[in-house]
């Protein structure tokens, strides 16, 4: 019975050695099966680049190039973890069709939403198009650069029309959010009076959760980015069952010690 760990992280650029080394440390700590990285700031990604910051077991990947040094998405998977039979690349998202053992195939979409409000409605429409072309079990994850409820931000400076549009998409697609344990927000502007916001999240359909009924989403400590890394842990073959398993990297996750005290 295999444990599958996914890293979902806005890394704020992978164009210097320090950031790549920090990413590699997180990868080694968590024994990843899949890495979904946003804001790579890389217009080209070669095999040797992926090996340098993820390891030699990551030889297969799909990426959305950055526009000059802005944006960019990379989805890479460890050899032997999944088979990918299809992929789709859009302006703000990358989707891959994963299959593993005898489980049904399912779509994973990594997103990096635009900062500008005048582009966000177009981003939501893109996700609707993605869903139309990616039927069946589906999970989408990443930095949406949007919130869908007021509790996702610690002040009242909220674009409520945009929030309502995102919430409408979530409802129309019949998505549910995988709860993030021991942490309320995922990003901070890191000012003297910071504004923490939950910009990064994982959404899934009911039929996806029927495949991976045992799933847990936690954050990993880092000083590399103003976004916290999310670690999604999945375990196969437990439909209708829940079991407890301790993972050796859990003590390095944010909030772990407080949760067990």
C-alpha atoms as a PDB file:
ATOM      1  CA  UNK A   1       0.000   0.000   0.000  1.00  0.00           C
ATOM      2  CA  UNK A   2       1.871   3.093  -1.250  1.00  0.00           C
ATOM      3  CA  UNK A   3       1.854   6.563   0.242  1.00  0.00           C
ATOM      4  CA  UNK A   4       1.911   9.311  -2.386  1.00  0.00           C
ATOM      5  CA  UNK A   5       3.048  12.807  -1.426  1.00  0.00           C
ATOM      6  CA  UNK A   6       2.387  15.827  -3.623  1.00  0.00           C
ATOM      7  CA  UNK A   7       4.180  19.163  -3.225  1.00  0.00           C
ATOM      8  CA  UNK A   8       2.120  22.206  -4.257  1.00  0.00           C
ATOM      9  CA  UNK A   9       4.130  25.400  -3.967  1.00  0.00           C
ATOM     10  CA  UNK A  10       4.566  28.882  -5.387  1.00  0.00           C
ATOM     11  CA  UNK A  11       8.362  28.918  -5.256  1.00  0.00           C
ATOM     12  CA  UNK A  12       8.769  32.555  -6.412  1.00  0.00           C
ATOM     13  CA  UNK A  13      11.410  31.609  -8.950  1.00  0.00           C
ATOM     14  CA  UNK A  14      13.853  28.786  -9.579  1.00  0.00           C
ATOM     15  CA  UNK A  15      16.487  30.825 -11.381  1.00  0.00           C
ATOM     16  CA  UNK A  16      19.114  30.829  -8.631  1.00  0.00           C
ATOM     17  CA  UNK A  17      20.997  28.088  -6.797  1.00  0.00           C
ATOM     18  CA  UNK A  18      19.815  28.991  -3.288  1.00  0.00           C
ATOM     19  CA  UNK A  19      16.156  28.555  -4.237  1.00  0.00           C
ATOM     20  CA  UNK A  20      16.857  25.302  -6.045  1.00  0.00           C
ATOM     21  CA  UNK A  21      18.775  23.960  -3.052  1.00  0.00           C
ATOM     22  CA  UNK A  22      15.932  24.914  -0.699  1.00  0.00           C
ATOM     23  CA  UNK A  23      13.423  23.185  -2.951  1.00  0.00           C
ATOM     24  CA  UNK A  24      15.597  20.078  -3.072  1.00  0.00           C
ATOM     25  CA  UNK A  25      15.648  19.979   0.732  1.00  0.00           C
ATOM     26  CA  UNK A  26      11.837  19.986   0.878  1.00  0.00           C
ATOM     27  CA  UNK A  27      11.727  17.247  -1.768  1.00  0.00           C
ATOM     28  CA  UNK A  28      14.181  15.098   0.179  1.00  0.00           C
ATOM     29  CA  UNK A  29      12.311  15.687   3.457  1.00  0.00           C
ATOM     30  CA  UNK A  30       8.943  14.590   2.100  1.00  0.00           C
ATOM     31  CA  UNK A  31       9.736  11.763  -0.356  1.00  0.00           C
ATOM     32  CA  UNK A  32       7.610  13.241  -3.109  1.00  0.00           C
ATOM     33  CA  UNK A  33       5.757  11.418  -5.842  1.00  0.00           C
ATOM     34  CA  UNK A  34       4.667  14.615  -7.641  1.00  0.00           C
ATOM     35  CA  UNK A  35       5.802  18.244  -7.568  1.00  0.00           C
ATOM     36  CA  UNK A  36       3.495  21.016  -8.787  1.00  0.00           C
ATOM     37  CA  UNK A  37       5.443  24.285  -8.739  1.00  0.00           C
ATOM     38  CA  UNK A  38       4.079  27.703  -9.596  1.00  0.00           C
ATOM     39  CA  UNK A  39       5.886  30.911 -10.540  1.00  0.00           C
ATOM     40  CA  UNK A  40       9.012  29.113 -11.699  1.00  0.00           C
ATOM     41  CA  UNK A  41      10.062  32.239 -13.660  1.00  0.00           C
ATOM     42  CA  UNK A  42      11.697  29.882 -16.165  1.00  0.00           C
ATOM     43  CA  UNK A  43      10.914  30.292 -19.859  1.00  0.00           C
ATOM     44  CA  UNK A  44      12.672  27.002 -20.650  1.00  0.00           C
ATOM     45  CA  UNK A  45      13.086  23.890 -18.513  1.00  0.00           C
ATOM     46  CA  UNK A  46      15.449  21.088 -19.529  1.00  0.00           C
ATOM     47  CA  UNK A  47      15.776  17.591 -18.096  1.00  0.00           C
ATOM     48  CA  UNK A  48      18.943  18.589 -16.237  1.00  0.00           C
ATOM     49  CA  UNK A  49      17.106  21.490 -14.561  1.00  0.00           C
ATOM     50  CA  UNK A  50      14.426  19.214 -13.124  1.00  0.00           C
ATOM     51  CA  UNK A  51      17.038  16.727 -11.919  1.00  0.00           C
ATOM     52  CA  UNK A  52      19.015  19.529 -10.248  1.00  0.00           C
ATOM     53  CA  UNK A  53      16.184  20.730  -8.015  1.00  0.00           C
ATOM     54  CA  UNK A  54      14.011  17.590  -7.695  1.00  0.00           C
ATOM     55  CA  UNK A  55      16.442  14.685  -8.033  1.00  0.00           C
ATOM     56  CA  UNK A  56      17.421  12.038 -10.548  1.00  0.00           C
ATOM     57  CA  UNK A  57      14.156  10.096 -10.076  1.00  0.00           C
ATOM     58  CA  UNK A  58      12.170  12.930 -11.677  1.00  0.00           C
ATOM     59  CA  UNK A  59      12.676  12.411 -15.403  1.00  0.00           C
ATOM     60  CA  UNK A  60       9.142  13.148 -16.628  1.00  0.00           C
ATOM     61  CA  UNK A  61       7.471  16.539 -16.501  1.00  0.00           C
ATOM     62  CA  UNK A  62       5.178  19.019 -18.231  1.00  0.00           C
ATOM     63  CA  UNK A  63       5.577  22.780 -17.942  1.00  0.00           C
ATOM     64  CA  UNK A  64       4.042  26.101 -18.850  1.00  0.00           C
ATOM     65  CA  UNK A  65       6.842  28.510 -19.803  1.00  0.00           C
ATOM     66  CA  UNK A  66       7.163  31.778 -17.934  1.00  0.00           C
ATOM     67  CA  UNK A  67       6.567  34.938 -19.920  1.00  0.00           C
ATOM     68  CA  UNK A  68      10.075  36.370 -19.745  1.00  0.00           C
ATOM     69  CA  UNK A  69      10.552  36.106 -15.955  1.00  0.00           C
ATOM     70  CA  UNK A  70       6.879  36.099 -14.940  1.00  0.00           C
ATOM     71  CA  UNK A  71       4.774  33.075 -14.067  1.00  0.00           C
ATOM     72  CA  UNK A  72       5.439  29.529 -15.173  1.00  0.00           C
ATOM     73  CA  UNK A  73       4.158  26.149 -13.915  1.00  0.00           C
ATOM     74  CA  UNK A  74       5.946  22.805 -13.640  1.00  0.00           C
ATOM     75  CA  UNK A  75       4.380  19.414 -12.899  1.00  0.00           C
ATOM     76  CA  UNK A  76       6.931  16.614 -12.482  1.00  0.00           C
ATOM     77  CA  UNK A  77       6.423  13.064 -11.232  1.00  0.00           C
ATOM     78  CA  UNK A  78       8.814  10.496  -9.823  1.00  0.00           C
ATOM     79  CA  UNK A  79       9.660   7.487 -11.975  1.00  0.00           C
ATOM     80  CA  UNK A  80       7.335   4.594 -11.180  1.00  0.00           C
ATOM     81  CA  UNK A  81       4.770   6.703  -9.321  1.00  0.00           C
ATOM     82  CA  UNK A  82       2.264   7.404 -12.101  1.00  0.00           C
ATOM     83  CA  UNK A  83       1.673   6.937 -15.791  1.00  0.00           C
ATOM     84  CA  UNK A  84       0.654  10.104 -17.646  1.00  0.00           C
ATOM     85  CA  UNK A  85      -1.269   9.441 -20.848  1.00  0.00           C
ATOM     86  CA  UNK A  86      -2.455  12.975 -21.682  1.00  0.00           C
ATOM     87  CA  UNK A  87      -1.613  16.543 -20.792  1.00  0.00           C
ATOM     88  CA  UNK A  88      -2.987  19.987 -21.570  1.00  0.00           C
ATOM     89  CA  UNK A  89      -1.316  23.380 -21.208  1.00  0.00           C
ATOM     90  CA  UNK A  90      -3.326  26.585 -21.000  1.00  0.00           C
ATOM     91  CA  UNK A  91      -2.491  30.194 -20.200  1.00  0.00           C
ATOM     92  CA  UNK A  92      -2.719  29.801 -16.421  1.00  0.00           C
ATOM     93  CA  UNK A  93      -2.802  26.036 -15.888  1.00  0.00           C
ATOM     94  CA  UNK A  94      -1.255  22.677 -16.694  1.00  0.00           C
ATOM     95  CA  UNK A  95      -3.294  19.451 -16.575  1.00  0.00           C
ATOM     96  CA  UNK A  96      -2.087  15.842 -16.645  1.00  0.00           C
ATOM     97  CA  UNK A  97      -4.051  12.589 -16.695  1.00  0.00           C
ATOM     98  CA  UNK A  98      -2.611  10.301 -14.002  1.00  0.00           C
ATOM     99  CA  UNK A  99      -3.154   6.565 -13.704  1.00  0.00           C
ATOM    100  CA  UNK A 100      -1.697   4.204 -11.146  1.00  0.00           C
ATOM    101  CA  UNK A 101      -2.115   0.451 -10.683  1.00  0.00           C
ATOM    102  CA  UNK A 102      -5.785  -0.553 -10.981  1.00  0.00           C
ATOM    103  CA  UNK A 103      -7.260   2.763  -9.836  1.00  0.00           C
ATOM    104  CA  UNK A 104      -9.299   4.871 -12.277  1.00  0.00           C
ATOM    105  CA  UNK A 105      -7.415   7.540 -14.208  1.00  0.00           C
ATOM    106  CA  UNK A 106      -7.867  11.082 -12.922  1.00  0.00           C
ATOM    107  CA  UNK A 107      -6.925  14.604 -13.906  1.00  0.00           C
ATOM    108  CA  UNK A 108      -4.579  16.831 -11.924  1.00  0.00           C
ATOM    109  CA  UNK A 109      -4.574  20.539 -12.802  1.00  0.00           C
ATOM    110  CA  UNK A 110      -1.898  22.857 -11.435  1.00  0.00           C
ATOM    111  CA  UNK A 111      -2.828  26.542 -11.511  1.00  0.00           C
ATOM    112  CA  UNK A 112      -1.148  29.906 -11.132  1.00  0.00           C
ATOM    113  CA  UNK A 113      -3.826  32.586 -11.188  1.00  0.00           C
ATOM    114  CA  UNK A 114      -3.196  36.104 -12.496  1.00  0.00           C
ATOM    115  CA  UNK A 115      -2.569  39.033 -10.155  1.00  0.00           C
ATOM    116  CA  UNK A 116      -4.596  41.576 -12.130  1.00  0.00           C
ATOM    117  CA  UNK A 117      -8.318  41.723 -11.427  1.00  0.00           C
ATOM    118  CA  UNK A 118      -9.127  42.339 -15.103  1.00  0.00           C
ATOM    119  CA  UNK A 119      -7.625  38.925 -15.941  1.00  0.00           C
ATOM    120  CA  UNK A 120      -9.205  36.880 -13.160  1.00  0.00           C
ATOM    121  CA  UNK A 121     -12.615  36.358 -14.748  1.00  0.00           C
ATOM    122  CA  UNK A 122     -10.828  35.057 -17.835  1.00  0.00           C
ATOM    123  CA  UNK A 123      -8.874  32.700 -15.576  1.00  0.00           C
ATOM    124  CA  UNK A 124     -12.121  31.314 -14.146  1.00  0.00           C
ATOM    125  CA  UNK A 125     -13.437  30.792 -17.674  1.00  0.00           C
ATOM    126  CA  UNK A 126     -10.207  28.974 -18.529  1.00  0.00           C
ATOM    127  CA  UNK A 127     -10.799  26.607 -15.617  1.00  0.00           C
ATOM    128  CA  UNK A 128     -14.322  25.939 -16.869  1.00  0.00           C
ATOM    129  CA  UNK A 129     -12.851  25.066 -20.261  1.00  0.00           C
ATOM    130  CA  UNK A 130     -10.264  22.841 -18.592  1.00  0.00           C
ATOM    131  CA  UNK A 131     -13.027  20.971 -16.813  1.00  0.00           C
ATOM    132  CA  UNK A 132     -14.967  20.516 -20.053  1.00  0.00           C
ATOM    133  CA  UNK A 133     -11.884  18.883 -21.588  1.00  0.00           C
ATOM    134  CA  UNK A 134     -10.861  16.912 -18.498  1.00  0.00           C
ATOM    135  CA  UNK A 135     -13.858  14.754 -17.521  1.00  0.00           C
ATOM    136  CA  UNK A 136     -13.999  12.314 -14.649  1.00  0.00           C
ATOM    137  CA  UNK A 137     -12.223  12.495 -11.289  1.00  0.00           C
ATOM    138  CA  UNK A 138     -10.425  15.832 -10.995  1.00  0.00           C
ATOM    139  CA  UNK A 139      -8.236  17.728  -8.577  1.00  0.00           C
ATOM    140  CA  UNK A 140      -6.897  21.233  -9.053  1.00  0.00           C
ATOM    141  CA  UNK A 141      -4.296  22.847  -6.880  1.00  0.00           C
ATOM    142  CA  UNK A 142      -1.949  25.784  -6.676  1.00  0.00           C
ATOM    143  CA  UNK A 143      -1.852  29.534  -6.195  1.00  0.00           C
ATOM    144  CA  UNK A 144      -5.239  30.794  -7.361  1.00  0.00           C
ATOM    145  CA  UNK A 145      -4.501  34.420  -6.399  1.00  0.00           C
ATOM    146  CA  UNK A 146      -8.170  34.592  -5.377  1.00  0.00           C
ATOM    147  CA  UNK A 147     -10.309  33.814  -2.373  1.00  0.00           C
ATOM    148  CA  UNK A 148     -13.849  32.470  -2.289  1.00  0.00           C
ATOM    149  CA  UNK A 149     -14.871  33.376   1.262  1.00  0.00           C
ATOM    150  CA  UNK A 150     -14.121  36.348   3.503  1.00  0.00           C
ATOM    151  CA  UNK A 151     -12.438  34.112   6.105  1.00  0.00           C
ATOM    152  CA  UNK A 152      -9.601  33.586   3.612  1.00  0.00           C
ATOM    153  CA  UNK A 153      -8.253  37.088   4.378  1.00  0.00           C
ATOM    154  CA  UNK A 154      -7.552  38.823   7.677  1.00  0.00           C
ATOM    155  CA  UNK A 155      -9.028  42.209   6.705  1.00  0.00           C
ATOM    156  CA  UNK A 156     -12.059  43.606   4.883  1.00  0.00           C
ATOM    157  CA  UNK A 157     -10.202  44.825   1.789  1.00  0.00           C
ATOM    158  CA  UNK A 158     -11.941  42.261  -0.416  1.00  0.00           C
ATOM    159  CA  UNK A 159     -13.144  42.298  -4.015  1.00  0.00           C
ATOM    160  CA  UNK A 160     -16.515  40.720  -3.275  1.00  0.00           C
ATOM    161  CA  UNK A 161     -17.591  40.476  -6.908  1.00  0.00           C
ATOM    162  CA  UNK A 162     -14.437  38.506  -7.730  1.00  0.00           C
ATOM    163  CA  UNK A 163     -14.867  36.372  -4.632  1.00  0.00           C
ATOM    164  CA  UNK A 164     -18.441  35.579  -5.668  1.00  0.00           C
ATOM    165  CA  UNK A 165     -17.284  34.630  -9.172  1.00  0.00           C
ATOM    166  CA  UNK A 166     -14.740  32.183  -7.795  1.00  0.00           C
ATOM    167  CA  UNK A 167     -17.279  30.718  -5.368  1.00  0.00           C
ATOM    168  CA  UNK A 168     -19.773  30.301  -8.211  1.00  0.00           C
ATOM    169  CA  UNK A 169     -17.172  28.343 -10.188  1.00  0.00           C
ATOM    170  CA  UNK A 170     -16.462  26.077  -7.202  1.00  0.00           C
ATOM    171  CA  UNK A 171     -20.179  25.435  -6.726  1.00  0.00           C
ATOM    172  CA  UNK A 172     -20.922  24.940 -10.429  1.00  0.00           C
ATOM    173  CA  UNK A 173     -18.116  22.392 -10.751  1.00  0.00           C
ATOM    174  CA  UNK A 174     -19.298  20.667  -7.532  1.00  0.00           C
ATOM    175  CA  UNK A 175     -15.839  20.962  -6.012  1.00  0.00           C
ATOM    176  CA  UNK A 176     -14.887  20.545  -2.384  1.00  0.00           C
ATOM    177  CA  UNK A 177     -11.813  21.912  -0.676  1.00  0.00           C
ATOM    178  CA  UNK A 178      -9.375  19.569   1.029  1.00  0.00           C
ATOM    179  CA  UNK A 179      -8.890  21.244   4.427  1.00  0.00           C
ATOM    180  CA  UNK A 180      -5.436  22.535   5.314  1.00  0.00           C
ATOM    181  CA  UNK A 181      -4.478  21.333   8.783  1.00  0.00           C
ATOM    182  CA  UNK A 182      -2.946  23.567  11.464  1.00  0.00           C
ATOM    183  CA  UNK A 183      -2.784  26.660   9.276  1.00  0.00           C
ATOM    184  CA  UNK A 184      -5.342  29.271   8.225  1.00  0.00           C
ATOM    185  CA  UNK A 185      -3.433  31.318   5.629  1.00  0.00           C
ATOM    186  CA  UNK A 186      -0.865  30.384   2.979  1.00  0.00           C
ATOM    187  CA  UNK A 187       0.654  33.740   1.969  1.00  0.00           C
ATOM    188  CA  UNK A 188       1.749  36.947   3.641  1.00  0.00           C
ATOM    189  CA  UNK A 189       2.987  40.237   2.239  1.00  0.00           C
ATOM    190  CA  UNK A 190       5.580  40.185   5.056  1.00  0.00           C
ATOM    191  CA  UNK A 191       5.224  43.850   5.959  1.00  0.00           C
ATOM    192  CA  UNK A 192       5.364  45.378   9.435  1.00  0.00           C
ATOM    193  CA  UNK A 193       1.580  45.004   9.581  1.00  0.00           C
ATOM    194  CA  UNK A 194       1.211  41.884   7.435  1.00  0.00           C
ATOM    195  CA  UNK A 195      -1.850  40.843   5.446  1.00  0.00           C
ATOM    196  CA  UNK A 196      -2.075  37.049   5.491  1.00  0.00           C
ATOM    197  CA  UNK A 197      -4.345  35.491   2.855  1.00  0.00           C
ATOM    198  CA  UNK A 198      -5.261  31.964   1.807  1.00  0.00           C
ATOM    199  CA  UNK A 199      -4.316  32.067  -1.877  1.00  0.00           C
ATOM    200  CA  UNK A 200      -3.103  28.475  -2.222  1.00  0.00           C
ATOM    201  CA  UNK A 201      -5.518  25.564  -1.956  1.00  0.00           C
ATOM    202  CA  UNK A 202      -6.512  22.125  -3.223  1.00  0.00           C
ATOM    203  CA  UNK A 203      -9.979  21.448  -4.669  1.00  0.00           C
ATOM    204  CA  UNK A 204     -11.364  18.107  -5.793  1.00  0.00           C
ATOM    205  CA  UNK A 205     -14.469  16.374  -7.091  1.00  0.00           C
ATOM    206  CA  UNK A 206     -16.360  13.776  -5.081  1.00  0.00           C
ATOM    207  CA  UNK A 207     -15.385  10.962  -7.428  1.00  0.00           C
ATOM    208  CA  UNK A 208     -11.695  11.834  -7.010  1.00  0.00           C
ATOM    209  CA  UNK A 209     -12.049  11.599  -3.231  1.00  0.00           C
ATOM    210  CA  UNK A 210     -13.655   8.183  -3.635  1.00  0.00           C
ATOM    211  CA  UNK A 211     -10.341   7.006  -5.112  1.00  0.00           C
ATOM    212  CA  UNK A 212      -8.238   8.570  -2.347  1.00  0.00           C
ATOM    213  CA  UNK A 213     -10.551   8.578   0.637  1.00  0.00           C
ATOM    214  CA  UNK A 214      -7.529   8.860   2.917  1.00  0.00           C
ATOM    215  CA  UNK A 215      -5.960  12.232   2.144  1.00  0.00           C
ATOM    216  CA  UNK A 216      -4.347  14.913   4.271  1.00  0.00           C
ATOM    217  CA  UNK A 217      -3.136  18.423   3.408  1.00  0.00           C
ATOM    218  CA  UNK A 218      -0.458  20.067   5.536  1.00  0.00           C
ATOM    219  CA  UNK A 219       2.070  22.885   5.222  1.00  0.00           C
ATOM    220  CA  UNK A 220       5.843  22.553   5.338  1.00  0.00           C
ATOM    221  CA  UNK A 221       8.125  25.110   6.985  1.00  0.00           C
ATOM    222  CA  UNK A 222      10.360  27.209   4.709  1.00  0.00           C
ATOM    223  CA  UNK A 223      11.984  30.630   4.536  1.00  0.00           C
ATOM    224  CA  UNK A 224      12.405  30.544   0.771  1.00  0.00           C
ATOM    225  CA  UNK A 225       9.048  31.967  -0.350  1.00  0.00           C
ATOM    226  CA  UNK A 226       6.235  34.138   0.988  1.00  0.00           C
ATOM    227  CA  UNK A 227       3.936  31.222   0.074  1.00  0.00           C
ATOM    228  CA  UNK A 228       4.016  28.151   2.291  1.00  0.00           C
ATOM    229  CA  UNK A 229       4.594  24.762   0.621  1.00  0.00           C
ATOM    230  CA  UNK A 230       1.572  22.455   0.761  1.00  0.00           C
ATOM    231  CA  UNK A 231       2.061  18.706   1.125  1.00  0.00           C
ATOM    232  CA  UNK A 232      -0.872  16.576  -0.009  1.00  0.00           C
ATOM    233  CA  UNK A 233      -0.564  13.005   1.216  1.00  0.00           C
ATOM    234  CA  UNK A 234      -2.606  10.239  -0.416  1.00  0.00           C
ATOM    235  CA  UNK A 235      -2.878   6.559   0.269  1.00  0.00           C
ATOM    236  CA  UNK A 236      -4.277   4.044  -2.185  1.00  0.00           C
ATOM    237  CA  UNK A 237      -6.638   1.179  -1.650  1.00  0.00           C
ATOM    238  CA  UNK A 238      -8.504   2.412   1.424  1.00  0.00           C
ATOM    239  CA  UNK A 239     -11.920   3.154  -0.018  1.00  0.00           C
ATOM    240  CA  UNK A 240     -14.319   3.362   2.888  1.00  0.00           C
ATOM    241  CA  UNK A 241     -11.537   2.861   5.463  1.00  0.00           C
ATOM    242  CA  UNK A 242      -9.423   5.176   7.594  1.00  0.00           C
ATOM    243  CA  UNK A 243      -6.156   4.184   9.197  1.00  0.00           C
ATOM    244  CA  UNK A 244      -3.528   6.090  11.124  1.00  0.00           C
ATOM    245  CA  UNK A 245       0.019   6.179   9.750  1.00  0.00           C
ATOM    246  CA  UNK A 246       2.889   8.250  11.153  1.00  0.00           C
ATOM    247  CA  UNK A 247       5.227   9.811   8.602  1.00  0.00           C
ATOM    248  CA  UNK A 248       8.815  10.629   9.604  1.00  0.00           C
ATOM    249  CA  UNK A 249       8.685  14.126   8.090  1.00  0.00           C
ATOM    250  CA  UNK A 250       5.575  15.196  10.033  1.00  0.00           C
ATOM    251  CA  UNK A 251       7.551  16.868  12.865  1.00  0.00           C
ATOM    252  CA  UNK A 252       8.941  19.270  10.227  1.00  0.00           C
ATOM    253  CA  UNK A 253       5.459  20.378   9.189  1.00  0.00           C
ATOM    254  CA  UNK A 254       4.189  23.679  10.519  1.00  0.00           C
ATOM    255  CA  UNK A 255       1.832  23.333  13.463  1.00  0.00           C
ATOM    256  CA  UNK A 256       2.654  19.672  14.103  1.00  0.00           C
ATOM    257  CA  UNK A 257       3.957  20.080  17.649  1.00  0.00           C
ATOM    258  CA  UNK A 258       1.053  22.349  18.638  1.00  0.00           C
ATOM    259  CA  UNK A 259      -1.440  19.848  17.222  1.00  0.00           C
ATOM    260  CA  UNK A 260      -0.134  16.911  19.243  1.00  0.00           C
ATOM    261  CA  UNK A 261       0.369  18.729  22.539  1.00  0.00           C
END
